Amino acid sequence: MKKKSLLILLLGLASLNPLWADEPAKETPTPYPLQTCIVSDEKLGEMGKPLYLQYKGQAYGFCCKPCTKDFREDPEKFRKKFEKEQKKTKK
């Protein structure tokens, strides 16, 4: 009886092995290249330590917590704004 119980326990534990597997590496976001908040256009660092969020593999910089809230409400709007700003700086 003890051998059966031990065998069942070991098989049960062995079946959990995939749960202990290493997590896949998290994607490292592309650094935020602008010096201004993507929402308010304020210079980063003037209102304290800048905040950063990641969206679709890109980091975005913010001057304050309310700006992060605005970004979360419509991230696509600010992603498009970011793309336009990047094109301006590359010219």
Foldseek 3Di string as FASTA:
>chain_A
DVVVVVVVVVVVVVVCVVVPDDDPDDQAADEQDDQAALQPRHGACPQHHWDWDDDPRHIGIHNDDVSVVVCVVPVVVSVVSSVVVVVVVVD
